[in-house]
Structures are given as structure tokens and as C-alpha cells.
N, C-alpha and C. Protein backbone atom coordinates (compact mmCIF):
# COMPACT_ATOMS: atom_id res chain seq x y z
N UNK A 1 -35.11 4.41 -23.13
CA UNK A 1 -33.80 4.08 -22.87
C UNK A 1 -33.55 4.01 -21.50
N UNK A 2 -32.85 3.48 -20.47
CA UNK A 2 -32.45 3.83 -19.40
C UNK A 2 -31.85 4.38 -18.85
N UNK A 3 -31.24 4.68 -17.65
CA UNK A 3 -30.91 5.68 -17.08
C UNK A 3 -29.57 5.02 -17.42
N UNK A 4 -29.13 4.18 -17.29
CA UNK A 4 -27.81 3.62 -17.38
C UNK A 4 -27.20 3.50 -18.96
N UNK A 5 -28.63 3.17 -19.65
CA UNK A 5 -28.35 3.79 -21.27
C UNK A 5 -27.73 4.87 -21.76
N UNK A 6 -28.41 6.01 -20.80
CA UNK A 6 -28.11 7.15 -20.99
C UNK A 6 -26.63 7.10 -20.75
N UNK A 7 -26.02 6.81 -19.50
CA UNK A 7 -24.81 7.43 -19.18
C UNK A 7 -24.03 6.48 -19.78
N UNK A 8 -24.00 5.54 -20.25
CA UNK A 8 -23.25 4.67 -21.07
C UNK A 8 -22.96 5.18 -22.72
N UNK A 9 -23.74 6.36 -23.24
CA UNK A 9 -24.49 6.83 -24.32
C UNK A 9 -23.20 8.10 -24.15
N UNK A 10 -23.66 9.17 -22.99
CA UNK A 10 -22.53 9.91 -22.77
C UNK A 10 -20.75 9.38 -22.55
N UNK A 11 -20.97 8.25 -21.68
CA UNK A 11 -19.28 8.06 -21.34
C UNK A 11 -18.79 7.65 -23.39
N UNK A 12 -19.28 6.70 -24.13
CA UNK A 12 -18.57 6.54 -25.20
C UNK A 12 -18.78 7.85 -25.96
N UNK A 13 -19.76 8.33 -25.88
CA UNK A 13 -19.64 9.78 -26.97
C UNK A 13 -18.22 10.66 -26.28
N UNK A 14 -17.97 11.22 -24.81
CA UNK A 14 -16.86 11.68 -24.47
C UNK A 14 -15.58 10.96 -24.72
N UNK A 15 -15.84 9.39 -25.25
CA UNK A 15 -14.37 8.70 -25.71
C UNK A 15 -14.29 8.87 -27.02
N UNK A 16 -14.97 9.19 -27.38
CA UNK A 16 -14.88 9.62 -29.22
C UNK A 16 -15.95 8.85 -30.11
N UNK A 17 -17.06 7.87 -29.44
CA UNK A 17 -17.46 6.39 -30.43
C UNK A 17 -18.50 7.40 -31.36
N UNK A 18 -18.51 7.15 -32.38
CA UNK A 18 -19.68 7.48 -33.35
C UNK A 18 -21.04 6.70 -32.85
N UNK A 19 -22.14 7.15 -32.98
CA UNK A 19 -23.44 6.78 -32.96
C UNK A 19 -23.57 5.34 -33.43
N UNK A 20 -22.94 4.90 -34.14
CA UNK A 20 -23.67 3.44 -34.70
C UNK A 20 -22.79 2.61 -33.93
N UNK A 21 -21.84 3.02 -33.37
CA UNK A 21 -21.16 2.02 -32.67
C UNK A 21 -21.58 2.02 -31.36
N UNK A 22 -22.45 3.02 -31.03
CA UNK A 22 -23.23 3.25 -29.45
C UNK A 22 -24.18 1.85 -30.27
N UNK A 23 -25.03 2.64 -30.94
CA UNK A 23 -26.22 2.12 -31.15
C UNK A 23 -25.96 0.54 -31.35
N UNK A 24 -25.04 0.36 -32.01
CA UNK A 24 -25.06 -1.49 -31.78
C UNK A 24 -24.12 -2.23 -30.77
N UNK A 25 -23.30 -1.23 -29.73
CA UNK A 25 -23.26 -1.76 -28.30
C UNK A 25 -24.42 -2.04 -27.25
N UNK A 26 -25.19 -0.93 -27.66
CA UNK A 26 -26.51 -0.70 -26.35
C UNK A 26 -27.82 -1.79 -27.32
N UNK A 27 -27.53 -2.06 -28.53
CA UNK A 27 -28.63 -3.09 -29.48
C UNK A 27 -29.85 -2.60 -29.42
N UNK A 28 -29.57 -1.03 -29.53
CA UNK A 28 -30.81 -0.19 -29.90
C UNK A 28 -30.80 0.71 -31.29
N UNK A 29 -31.40 1.27 -31.87
CA UNK A 29 -31.41 2.00 -33.41
C UNK A 29 -30.68 2.90 -33.47
N UNK A 30 -29.98 3.41 -34.70
CA UNK A 30 -29.25 5.07 -34.48
C UNK A 30 -30.22 6.33 -33.90
N UNK A 31 -31.22 5.93 -34.61
CA UNK A 31 -32.64 6.95 -34.55
C UNK A 31 -32.82 7.08 -32.93
N UNK A 32 -32.60 6.36 -32.32
CA UNK A 32 -33.13 6.43 -30.76
C UNK A 32 -32.00 7.04 -30.11
N UNK A 33 -30.89 6.35 -30.32
CA UNK A 33 -29.56 7.54 -29.61
C UNK A 33 -29.45 8.91 -30.37
N UNK A 34 -30.01 8.86 -31.66
CA UNK A 34 -29.66 10.51 -32.36
C UNK A 34 -30.72 11.25 -31.25
N UNK A 35 -32.03 10.62 -31.23
CA UNK A 35 -32.99 11.46 -30.52
C UNK A 35 -32.86 11.90 -28.76
N UNK A 36 -31.71 10.90 -28.15
CA UNK A 36 -31.63 11.32 -26.80
C UNK A 36 -30.47 12.54 -27.10
N UNK A 37 -29.73 12.46 -27.98
CA UNK A 37 -28.52 13.42 -28.23
C UNK A 37 -29.48 14.67 -28.37
N UNK A 38 -30.44 14.86 -29.09
CA UNK A 38 -31.16 15.91 -29.30
C UNK A 38 -31.86 16.80 -28.46
N UNK A 39 -31.84 15.92 -27.65
CA UNK A 39 -33.08 16.56 -26.28
C UNK A 39 -31.77 17.06 -24.91
N UNK A 40 -30.79 16.71 -25.19
CA UNK A 40 -29.49 17.60 -24.38
C UNK A 40 -29.44 19.30 -24.37
N UNK A 41 -29.00 19.80 -23.60
CA UNK A 41 -28.94 20.98 -23.79
C UNK A 41 -27.93 21.42 -24.26
N UNK A 42 -27.76 22.48 -25.08
CA UNK A 42 -26.47 22.54 -25.67
C UNK A 42 -25.92 24.30 -26.14
N UNK A 43 -25.19 24.64 -26.64
CA UNK A 43 -24.82 25.83 -26.95
C UNK A 43 -25.16 25.90 -28.64
N UNK A 44 -25.46 27.05 -29.39
CA UNK A 44 -25.61 26.76 -30.89
C UNK A 44 -24.42 26.78 -31.79
N UNK A 45 -23.06 27.29 -31.03
CA UNK A 45 -21.93 26.78 -31.71
C UNK A 45 -21.31 25.47 -32.31
N UNK A 46 -20.16 25.06 -32.99
CA UNK A 46 -19.66 23.65 -32.61
C UNK A 46 -18.61 23.51 -31.68
N UNK A 47 -18.56 22.59 -31.18
CA UNK A 47 -17.75 22.60 -29.69
C UNK A 47 -16.66 21.61 -30.43
N UNK A 48 -15.49 21.94 -30.91
CA UNK A 48 -14.18 20.96 -31.49
C UNK A 48 -13.47 20.36 -30.73
N UNK A 49 -13.09 20.76 -29.46
CA UNK A 49 -12.33 19.77 -28.38
C UNK A 49 -12.96 19.37 -27.37
N UNK A 50 -12.62 18.40 -26.77
CA UNK A 50 -12.64 17.69 -25.27
C UNK A 50 -13.12 18.71 -24.46
N UNK A 51 -14.14 18.51 -23.41
CA UNK A 51 -13.78 19.73 -22.71
C UNK A 51 -12.82 19.46 -21.60
N UNK A 52 -12.44 20.54 -21.21
CA UNK A 52 -10.93 20.59 -20.13
C UNK A 52 -11.37 20.00 -19.23
N UNK A 53 -11.93 19.12 -18.93
CA UNK A 53 -11.83 18.84 -17.31
C UNK A 53 -11.49 16.96 -17.13
N UNK A 54 -11.82 16.65 -16.29
CA UNK A 54 -11.37 14.68 -16.06
C UNK A 54 -12.73 13.94 -16.48
N UNK A 55 -12.39 12.74 -17.51
CA UNK A 55 -13.90 12.26 -17.53
C UNK A 55 -14.61 11.81 -16.77
N UNK A 56 -13.99 11.57 -15.39
CA UNK A 56 -14.52 11.26 -14.10
C UNK A 56 -15.50 12.19 -13.76
N UNK A 57 -15.27 13.66 -13.72
CA UNK A 57 -16.30 14.55 -13.39
C UNK A 57 -16.96 15.07 -14.69
N UNK A 58 -16.84 14.78 -15.78
CA UNK A 58 -17.64 15.09 -16.89
C UNK A 58 -18.67 13.71 -16.92
N UNK A 59 -18.87 12.81 -16.49
CA UNK A 59 -19.61 11.84 -16.14
C UNK A 59 -20.51 12.44 -14.88
N UNK A 60 -19.96 12.58 -13.74
CA UNK A 60 -20.52 13.06 -12.75
C UNK A 60 -21.70 13.91 -12.97
N UNK A 61 -20.88 14.80 -14.04
CA UNK A 61 -22.34 16.28 -14.48
C UNK A 61 -22.96 15.40 -15.27
N UNK A 62 -22.82 14.51 -16.22
CA UNK A 62 -23.68 13.93 -16.53
C UNK A 62 -25.07 13.02 -15.92
N UNK A 63 -24.29 12.08 -15.09
CA UNK A 63 -25.28 11.48 -14.10
C UNK A 63 -25.93 12.48 -13.43
N UNK A 64 -25.33 13.23 -12.53
CA UNK A 64 -26.70 14.40 -11.90
C UNK A 64 -27.48 14.97 -12.79
N UNK A 65 -27.27 15.49 -14.26
CA UNK A 65 -28.24 15.99 -14.98
C UNK A 65 -29.25 14.61 -15.62
N UNK A 66 -28.54 13.71 -15.68
CA UNK A 66 -30.05 12.82 -15.87
C UNK A 66 -30.57 12.54 -14.67
N UNK A 67 -30.31 12.79 -13.67
CA UNK A 67 -30.85 12.53 -12.33
C UNK A 67 -31.94 13.28 -12.22
N UNK A 68 -31.68 14.73 -12.78
CA UNK A 68 -32.96 15.48 -12.78
C UNK A 68 -32.37 16.98 -12.07
N UNK A 69 -31.12 16.88 -12.31
CA UNK A 69 -30.55 18.38 -11.22
C UNK A 69 -30.45 19.18 -12.80
N UNK A 70 -30.43 20.83 -12.44
CA UNK A 70 -30.51 21.61 -13.35
C UNK A 70 -29.75 22.30 -13.93
N UNK A 71 -29.32 22.78 -15.00
CA UNK A 71 -28.09 23.58 -15.37
C UNK A 71 -27.44 24.33 -14.85
N UNK A 72 -27.72 24.99 -14.16
CA UNK A 72 -27.80 25.89 -12.88
C UNK A 72 -27.29 25.34 -11.78
N UNK A 73 -27.69 24.88 -11.50
CA UNK A 73 -27.39 23.50 -10.42
C UNK A 73 -25.99 23.30 -10.11
N UNK A 74 -25.95 22.59 -11.23
CA UNK A 74 -24.61 21.86 -12.07
C UNK A 74 -23.38 22.53 -12.09
N UNK A 75 -23.90 24.03 -12.10
CA UNK A 75 -22.63 24.77 -12.56
C UNK A 75 -22.32 25.23 -11.01
N UNK A 76 -23.28 25.35 -10.09
CA UNK A 76 -22.59 25.84 -8.49
C UNK A 76 -22.15 24.57 -7.97
N UNK A 77 -22.86 23.42 -8.41
CA UNK A 77 -21.90 21.94 -7.25
C UNK A 77 -20.60 21.65 -8.04
N UNK A 78 -20.46 22.04 -9.52
CA UNK A 78 -19.29 21.68 -9.81
C UNK A 78 -18.24 22.92 -10.07
N UNK A 79 -18.65 24.02 -9.70
CA UNK A 79 -17.46 25.15 -9.69
C UNK A 79 -17.24 25.76 -11.30
N UNK A 80 -18.68 25.53 -12.15
CA UNK A 80 -18.21 25.97 -13.21
C UNK A 80 -19.18 26.80 -13.70
N UNK A 81 -19.09 27.29 -14.82
CA UNK A 81 -20.22 28.51 -15.51
C UNK A 81 -21.19 27.66 -16.08
N UNK A 82 -22.30 28.49 -16.22
CA UNK A 82 -23.36 27.98 -16.92
C UNK A 82 -22.95 27.39 -18.68
N UNK A 83 -22.40 28.21 -19.35
CA UNK A 83 -22.11 27.98 -20.65
C UNK A 83 -20.74 26.75 -20.81
N UNK A 84 -20.21 26.70 -19.68
CA UNK A 84 -19.41 25.55 -19.69
C UNK A 84 -19.88 23.96 -19.46
N UNK A 85 -21.12 24.05 -18.50
CA UNK A 85 -21.93 22.97 -18.54
C UNK A 85 -22.69 22.54 -19.80
N UNK A 86 -22.87 23.89 -20.55
CA UNK A 86 -23.71 23.48 -21.42
C UNK A 86 -22.37 23.21 -22.77
N UNK A 87 -21.57 23.37 -22.63
CA UNK A 87 -20.53 23.12 -23.54
C UNK A 87 -20.66 21.40 -23.26
N UNK A 88 -20.19 20.74 -22.11
CA UNK A 88 -19.94 19.59 -21.94
C UNK A 88 -21.17 18.91 -23.08
N UNK A 89 -22.50 19.37 -22.42
CA UNK A 89 -23.45 18.47 -23.40
C UNK A 89 -23.43 18.39 -24.67
N UNK A 90 -23.07 19.92 -24.91
CA UNK A 90 -22.97 19.89 -26.67
C UNK A 90 -21.70 19.32 -27.27
N UNK A 91 -20.94 19.06 -26.64
CA UNK A 91 -19.73 18.25 -27.19
C UNK A 91 -20.43 16.63 -27.55
N UNK A 92 -21.08 16.18 -26.13
CA UNK A 92 -21.26 14.37 -26.35
C UNK A 92 -22.44 14.62 -27.17
N UNK A 93 -23.22 15.52 -27.36
CA UNK A 93 -24.48 15.71 -28.16
C UNK A 93 -24.26 15.95 -30.13
N UNK A 94 -22.86 16.47 -30.00
CA UNK A 94 -22.33 16.93 -31.73
C UNK A 94 -22.08 15.55 -32.31
N UNK A 95 -22.76 16.11 -33.90
CA UNK A 95 -22.44 15.12 -34.91
C UNK A 95 -21.14 15.42 -35.15
N UNK A 96 -20.09 14.46 -35.55
CA UNK A 96 -18.61 14.82 -36.05
C UNK A 96 -19.05 14.34 -37.41
N UNK A 97 -18.70 15.68 -38.38
CA UNK A 97 -18.48 15.26 -39.39
C UNK A 97 -17.51 14.81 -39.81
N UNK A 98 -17.75 13.65 -41.28
CA UNK A 98 -17.65 12.67 -42.16
C UNK A 98 -16.30 13.60 -43.23
N UNK A 99 -15.31 12.96 -43.10
CA UNK A 99 -14.33 13.90 -44.23
C UNK A 99 -14.99 13.11 -45.52
N UNK A 100 -14.85 14.02 -46.68
CA UNK A 100 -15.50 14.09 -47.54
C UNK A 100 -14.32 13.42 -48.82
N UNK A 101 -14.80 12.21 -49.46
CA UNK A 101 -13.75 11.82 -50.22
C UNK A 101 -14.17 11.69 -52.23
N UNK A 102 -12.84 11.04 -52.69
CA UNK A 102 -13.39 11.26 -54.01
C UNK A 102 -14.36 12.26 -54.80
N UNK A 103 -13.39 13.41 -54.26
CA UNK A 103 -13.95 14.60 -54.99
C UNK A 103 -13.91 15.19 -56.43
N UNK A 104 -14.33 15.49 -57.27
CA UNK A 104 -14.12 16.25 -58.40
C UNK A 104 -13.63 17.72 -57.79
N UNK A 105 -14.12 17.94 -56.59
CA UNK A 105 -13.65 19.40 -56.45
C UNK A 105 -12.81 19.26 -55.16
N UNK A 106 -11.25 18.41 -55.28
CA UNK A 106 -10.71 18.75 -54.13
C UNK A 106 -10.12 19.43 -53.17
N UNK A 107 -9.86 20.90 -53.54
CA UNK A 107 -9.37 22.43 -52.64
C UNK A 107 -10.95 22.38 -52.03
N UNK A 108 -12.11 22.08 -52.72
CA UNK A 108 -13.59 22.63 -51.95
C UNK A 108 -13.60 21.59 -50.71
N UNK A 109 -13.45 20.52 -51.14
CA UNK A 109 -13.44 19.78 -49.94
C UNK A 109 -12.72 19.28 -48.95
N UNK A 110 -11.46 19.47 -49.16
CA UNK A 110 -10.33 19.90 -48.36
C UNK A 110 -11.06 21.05 -47.45
N UNK A 111 -10.99 22.60 -47.81
CA UNK A 111 -11.63 23.22 -47.09
C UNK A 111 -12.53 22.99 -45.86
N UNK A 112 -13.75 22.43 -46.53
CA UNK A 112 -14.76 22.14 -45.87
C UNK A 112 -14.51 20.40 -44.99
N UNK A 113 -13.59 20.17 -45.04
CA UNK A 113 -13.10 19.04 -44.30
C UNK A 113 -12.39 19.45 -42.88
N UNK A 114 -11.31 20.55 -43.16
CA UNK A 114 -10.96 21.34 -42.33
C UNK A 114 -11.70 22.04 -41.54
N UNK A 115 -12.53 22.69 -42.15
CA UNK A 115 -13.44 23.61 -41.21
C UNK A 115 -14.30 22.69 -40.38
N UNK A 116 -14.66 21.73 -40.71
CA UNK A 116 -15.79 20.88 -39.95
C UNK A 116 -17.07 20.77 -40.86
N UNK A 117 -17.22 21.50 -42.19
CA UNK A 117 -18.55 21.59 -42.65
C UNK A 117 -18.85 19.65 -43.17
N UNK A 118 -20.13 19.65 -43.25
CA UNK A 118 -20.19 18.38 -43.88
C UNK A 118 -21.15 18.95 -44.98
N UNK A 119 -21.42 18.46 -45.87
CA UNK A 119 -22.28 18.68 -47.58
C UNK A 119 -23.23 19.27 -46.57
N UNK A 120 -24.40 18.77 -46.03
CA UNK A 120 -25.53 19.04 -45.42
C UNK A 120 -25.37 20.44 -45.27
N UNK A 121 -24.42 20.82 -43.98
CA UNK A 121 -24.05 22.32 -43.07
C UNK A 121 -23.45 23.30 -44.55
N UNK A 122 -22.96 22.91 -45.86
CA UNK A 122 -22.18 23.35 -46.81
C UNK A 122 -23.25 24.27 -47.76
N UNK A 123 -24.21 22.89 -47.90
CA UNK A 123 -25.52 23.49 -48.83
C UNK A 123 -26.42 24.55 -48.24
N UNK A 124 -26.31 24.57 -46.90
CA UNK A 124 -27.08 25.57 -46.55
C UNK A 124 -26.49 26.92 -46.83
N UNK A 125 -25.02 27.10 -46.90
CA UNK A 125 -24.56 28.17 -46.92
C UNK A 125 -24.53 28.84 -48.11
N UNK A 126 -24.98 27.48 -49.17
CA UNK A 126 -24.78 28.09 -50.77
C UNK A 126 -26.29 28.17 -50.89
N UNK A 127 -27.54 27.72 -49.95
CA UNK A 127 -28.70 27.75 -50.30
C UNK A 127 -29.27 26.93 -51.54
N UNK A 128 -28.57 25.63 -51.63
CA UNK A 128 -28.90 24.70 -52.31
C UNK A 128 -29.15 23.31 -51.90
N UNK A 129 -30.12 22.55 -52.47
CA UNK A 129 -30.07 21.65 -51.94
C UNK A 129 -29.05 20.39 -51.49
N UNK A 130 -28.63 20.06 -50.41
CA UNK A 130 -27.60 19.22 -50.39
C UNK A 130 -27.11 17.99 -51.35
N UNK A 131 -28.07 17.53 -52.07
CA UNK A 131 -28.27 16.73 -52.67
C UNK A 131 -27.84 16.85 -54.20
N UNK A 132 -27.85 18.36 -54.84
CA UNK A 132 -27.19 18.99 -55.70
C UNK A 132 -25.96 18.92 -54.89
N UNK A 133 -25.57 19.33 -54.24
CA UNK A 133 -23.58 19.67 -53.68
C UNK A 133 -23.43 18.35 -53.98
N UNK A 134 -23.88 17.33 -53.10
CA UNK A 134 -22.98 16.04 -53.49
C UNK A 134 -22.93 15.65 -55.06
N UNK A 135 -24.00 15.58 -55.98
CA UNK A 135 -23.61 15.54 -57.28
C UNK A 135 -22.60 16.30 -57.48
N UNK A 136 -22.43 17.54 -57.26
CA UNK A 136 -21.34 18.57 -57.80
C UNK A 136 -20.18 18.02 -57.44
N UNK A 137 -20.12 17.73 -56.18
CA UNK A 137 -18.75 17.08 -55.78
C UNK A 137 -18.25 15.94 -56.05
N UNK A 138 -19.30 15.06 -57.04
CA UNK A 138 -19.22 13.74 -56.97
C UNK A 138 -18.75 13.57 -58.48
N UNK A 139 -18.97 14.80 -59.38
CA UNK A 139 -18.77 14.88 -60.45
C UNK A 139 -20.07 14.47 -61.60
N UNK A 140 -20.84 14.55 -60.90
CA UNK A 140 -22.06 14.39 -61.43
C UNK A 140 -23.13 15.09 -61.77
N UNK A 141 -22.44 16.50 -61.68
CA UNK A 141 -23.48 17.52 -62.14
C UNK A 141 -21.93 18.68 -62.36
N UNK A 142 -21.88 19.45 -63.32
CA UNK A 142 -21.46 20.50 -63.04
C UNK A 142 -21.67 21.75 -62.41
N UNK A 143 -20.50 22.11 -61.71
CA UNK A 143 -20.40 23.45 -60.86
C UNK A 143 -20.45 24.69 -61.94
N UNK A 144 -21.64 25.34 -61.82
CA UNK A 144 -22.02 26.14 -62.37
C UNK A 144 -21.22 27.68 -61.59
N UNK A 145 -20.89 28.82 -62.80
CA UNK A 145 -20.38 29.68 -62.18
C UNK A 145 -20.97 30.27 -61.00
N UNK A 146 -21.70 30.79 -61.03
CA UNK A 146 -22.44 31.17 -59.97
C UNK A 146 -22.31 30.79 -58.75
N UNK A 147 -22.44 29.64 -58.42
CA UNK A 147 -22.37 28.70 -57.35
C UNK A 147 -20.51 28.89 -57.14
N UNK A 148 -19.73 28.70 -58.04
CA UNK A 148 -18.50 28.62 -57.69
C UNK A 148 -18.37 30.06 -56.90
N UNK A 149 -19.03 31.36 -57.55
CA UNK A 149 -18.46 32.58 -56.93
C UNK A 149 -18.34 32.69 -55.55
N UNK A 150 -20.28 31.86 -55.68
CA UNK A 150 -20.54 31.95 -54.01
C UNK A 150 -19.66 31.04 -53.14
N UNK A 151 -19.10 29.89 -53.42
CA UNK A 151 -17.92 29.67 -52.81
C UNK A 151 -16.79 30.22 -52.15
N UNK A 152 -16.03 30.63 -53.82
CA UNK A 152 -15.07 31.73 -53.41
C UNK A 152 -14.89 32.90 -52.40
N UNK A 153 -16.80 33.48 -52.49
CA UNK A 153 -16.86 34.60 -51.37
C UNK A 153 -16.71 33.56 -49.69
N UNK A 154 -17.36 32.47 -49.99
CA UNK A 154 -17.91 31.96 -48.37
C UNK A 154 -15.82 31.19 -48.13
N UNK A 155 -15.17 30.68 -48.84
CA UNK A 155 -14.11 29.84 -48.57
C UNK A 155 -12.98 30.92 -48.63
N UNK A 156 -13.18 31.52 -49.79
CA UNK A 156 -11.50 32.73 -49.90
C UNK A 156 -10.65 32.24 -50.92
N UNK A 157 -11.21 30.56 -51.55
CA UNK A 157 -10.70 30.09 -52.28
C UNK A 157 -10.21 30.78 -53.96
N UNK A 158 -9.70 30.96 -54.57
CA UNK A 158 -9.72 31.31 -56.02
C UNK A 158 -10.01 30.43 -57.13
N UNK A 159 -11.15 31.17 -58.11
CA UNK A 159 -11.47 30.23 -58.86
C UNK A 159 -10.49 29.37 -59.55
N UNK A 160 -9.45 29.46 -59.73
CA UNK A 160 -8.61 28.58 -60.53
C UNK A 160 -8.22 27.39 -59.46
N UNK A 161 -8.44 27.54 -57.97
CA UNK A 161 -7.90 26.06 -57.60
C UNK A 161 -9.29 25.76 -57.28
N UNK A 162 -10.30 26.03 -57.19
CA UNK A 162 -11.48 25.43 -56.90
C UNK A 162 -11.95 24.33 -58.22
N UNK A 163 -11.55 25.01 -59.53
CA UNK A 163 -11.87 24.33 -60.71
C UNK A 163 -10.60 23.63 -61.05
N UNK A 164 -9.44 23.48 -60.70
CA UNK A 164 -8.17 22.87 -60.62
C UNK A 164 -8.66 21.78 -61.67
N UNK A 165 -8.76 20.91 -60.80
CA UNK A 165 -8.95 19.50 -61.04
C UNK A 165 -9.77 18.67 -62.50
N UNK A 166 -10.82 20.11 -62.72
CA UNK A 166 -11.53 19.79 -63.63
C UNK A 166 -11.04 20.49 -65.10
N UNK A 167 -10.50 21.97 -64.71
CA UNK A 167 -9.05 22.31 -65.90
C UNK A 167 -8.16 21.40 -66.42
N UNK A 168 -7.48 20.76 -65.28
CA UNK A 168 -5.82 20.11 -65.36
C UNK A 168 -6.03 18.67 -65.07
N UNK A 169 -7.51 18.15 -65.89
CA UNK A 169 -7.19 16.57 -65.85
C UNK A 169 -6.40 15.53 -65.88
N UNK A 170 -5.85 14.77 -65.47
CA UNK A 170 -4.30 14.16 -65.54
C UNK A 170 -4.98 12.77 -66.33
N UNK A 171 -4.11 12.80 -67.57
CA UNK A 171 -4.92 11.35 -68.53
C UNK A 171 -3.22 10.39 -68.59
N UNK A 172 -3.59 9.15 -68.03
CA UNK A 172 -2.53 8.01 -68.21
C UNK A 172 -0.88 8.86 -67.97
N UNK A 173 -0.89 9.49 -66.69
CA UNK A 173 0.56 10.10 -66.87
C UNK A 173 0.70 11.44 -67.42
N UNK A 174 -0.09 11.99 -67.80
CA UNK A 174 0.17 13.25 -69.02
C UNK A 174 -0.56 14.19 -68.64
N UNK A 175 -0.16 15.65 -68.29
CA UNK A 175 -1.18 16.44 -67.98
C UNK A 175 -1.85 16.62 -69.13
N UNK A 176 -3.14 16.90 -69.33
CA UNK A 176 -4.07 17.11 -70.68
C UNK A 176 -3.59 18.81 -70.61
N UNK A 177 -3.53 19.38 -72.00
CA UNK A 177 -3.34 20.85 -72.16
C UNK A 177 -4.37 21.55 -71.59
N UNK A 178 -3.97 22.98 -71.00
CA UNK A 178 -4.39 23.63 -70.26
C UNK A 178 -5.85 24.33 -71.01
N UNK A 179 -6.82 24.66 -70.15
CA UNK A 179 -8.13 24.95 -70.58
C UNK A 179 -8.29 26.12 -70.06
N UNK A 180 -9.06 27.50 -70.73
CA UNK A 180 -9.29 28.67 -70.34
C UNK A 180 -10.49 28.62 -69.41
N UNK A 181 -10.17 29.74 -68.68
CA UNK A 181 -11.30 30.31 -67.92
C UNK A 181 -12.12 30.96 -68.56
N UNK A 182 -11.83 31.53 -69.59
CA UNK A 182 -12.45 32.52 -70.22
C UNK A 182 -13.80 31.55 -70.96
N UNK A 183 -15.01 32.08 -70.96
CA UNK A 183 -16.40 31.16 -71.65
C UNK A 183 -15.84 30.88 -72.93
N UNK A 184 -16.50 30.01 -73.99
CA UNK A 184 -16.37 29.69 -75.03
C UNK A 184 -16.80 31.27 -75.54
N UNK A 185 -16.38 31.34 -77.32
CA UNK A 185 -16.76 31.91 -78.22
C UNK A 185 -17.76 31.89 -79.27
N UNK A 186 -18.76 32.48 -79.28
CA UNK A 186 -20.06 31.89 -80.06
C UNK A 186 -19.62 31.46 -81.44
N UNK A 187 -19.57 30.18 -82.04
CA UNK A 187 -19.02 29.61 -83.14
C UNK A 187 -20.35 29.93 -84.02
N UNK A 188 -19.73 30.33 -85.12
CA UNK A 188 -20.89 30.72 -86.45
C UNK A 188 -21.08 29.93 -87.11
N UNK A 189 -22.34 29.10 -87.56
CA UNK A 189 -22.33 28.24 -88.02
C UNK A 189 -21.86 28.24 -89.62
N UNK A 190 -21.34 27.71 -90.51
CA UNK A 190 -20.99 27.98 -91.79
C UNK A 190 -22.55 27.30 -92.58
N UNK A 191 -22.30 28.18 -93.67
CA UNK A 191 -23.47 28.19 -94.57
C UNK A 191 -23.12 26.96 -95.41
N UNK A 192 -24.11 25.85 -95.26
CA UNK A 192 -24.22 24.96 -96.19
C UNK A 192 -25.03 25.37 -97.35
N UNK A 193 -24.28 24.69 -98.59
CA UNK A 193 -24.82 25.30 -99.78
C UNK A 193 -25.32 24.46 -100.98
């Protein structure tokens, strides 16, 4: 990538463009943009709001950094603290989470969307593979009680709310009968004579 391409990536990210649209505009691969963004300095936490500076000043910081200036010299030149400079690059590099739709567990996915979690980042908290969490959310795998308890502990959502759509499915405009949260009792088989 050229210096001008890198500046274009910074400008477009500050304007809210996603990685795919940047790659399309520059005529390069998605992975090339991701590799560039991974190399930017950043802080370890998520930066959700646009940095509190004009885009012109932010672009000047980016241009100087790409020309070889250090974080410390940028902080002095632009009268900012080093963490503020790092937050600019963190905002540019941060991958914006995609809203999760068509969920079997809408209370959970609404909580994830509101708190900025992706399936991958939330799966890390649960210590399960992201593919398994995706299958659970899409209704292809059952949400086990142990996993539901972990979700409850992390999110603060009650079990009844997590399992609401599973326990109370709508059928042709009518609500199905309520299902108990209690595990089913063991059924005794009748003796065959």
C-alpha cells in the first residue's frame, strides 16, 4: 500500500466506512486493509465514540504518524496526551461489530448488540468455540443449562428471559402453552406383558 492509500484508509475509517467498502474503493483485498489496521498502535479497550477532535486535525496526526513520527512527538506537536493519540488509532483500527439477527435467543443477542459483543468475542467469555455459539444462536444446537448459567452470570439476564422464545414459541398467531423450567421427571416404562 502506498502512503496515499494508507491516508485514504484512515480518512474513510474516520468517516465510518467499513473495511469491505474501503477495499473496494482502493482496489485491494480485505486482508490488505486488515493487515494495515493491525499494525496501527492502539489501546487494549474498545473505543466506541469518534475522537473529540476535528477530522482535519485527526488526519494531520495520521499523516505525521505514517511519515514516521513517534506517538510521543505527535502528543507534543498536537498538545495531546499519548493515550489520546493512541485512542485515535484505536478508533481507526477497531472493527465495528455487526448486529446479530435471526436469533433463537433474542434477549441474549440484543444484550450482545447493545454491549458491542460479536459472536467471537462473546464466545471467548464463555470459553466455547465461536461456531458453537453461532449454532446455538441460530437454533441449530440446544443451549445447555451450564452455558445458560454462564450467560446469566455475565449478562445479568434471568434464565426465563434468555429462554423466553424457546419456552414460549408463537404458533400461527396463538401462543403455545407455557413450558416449565423444571427438568422433566423420569418416566417409568410400563411393563410389557
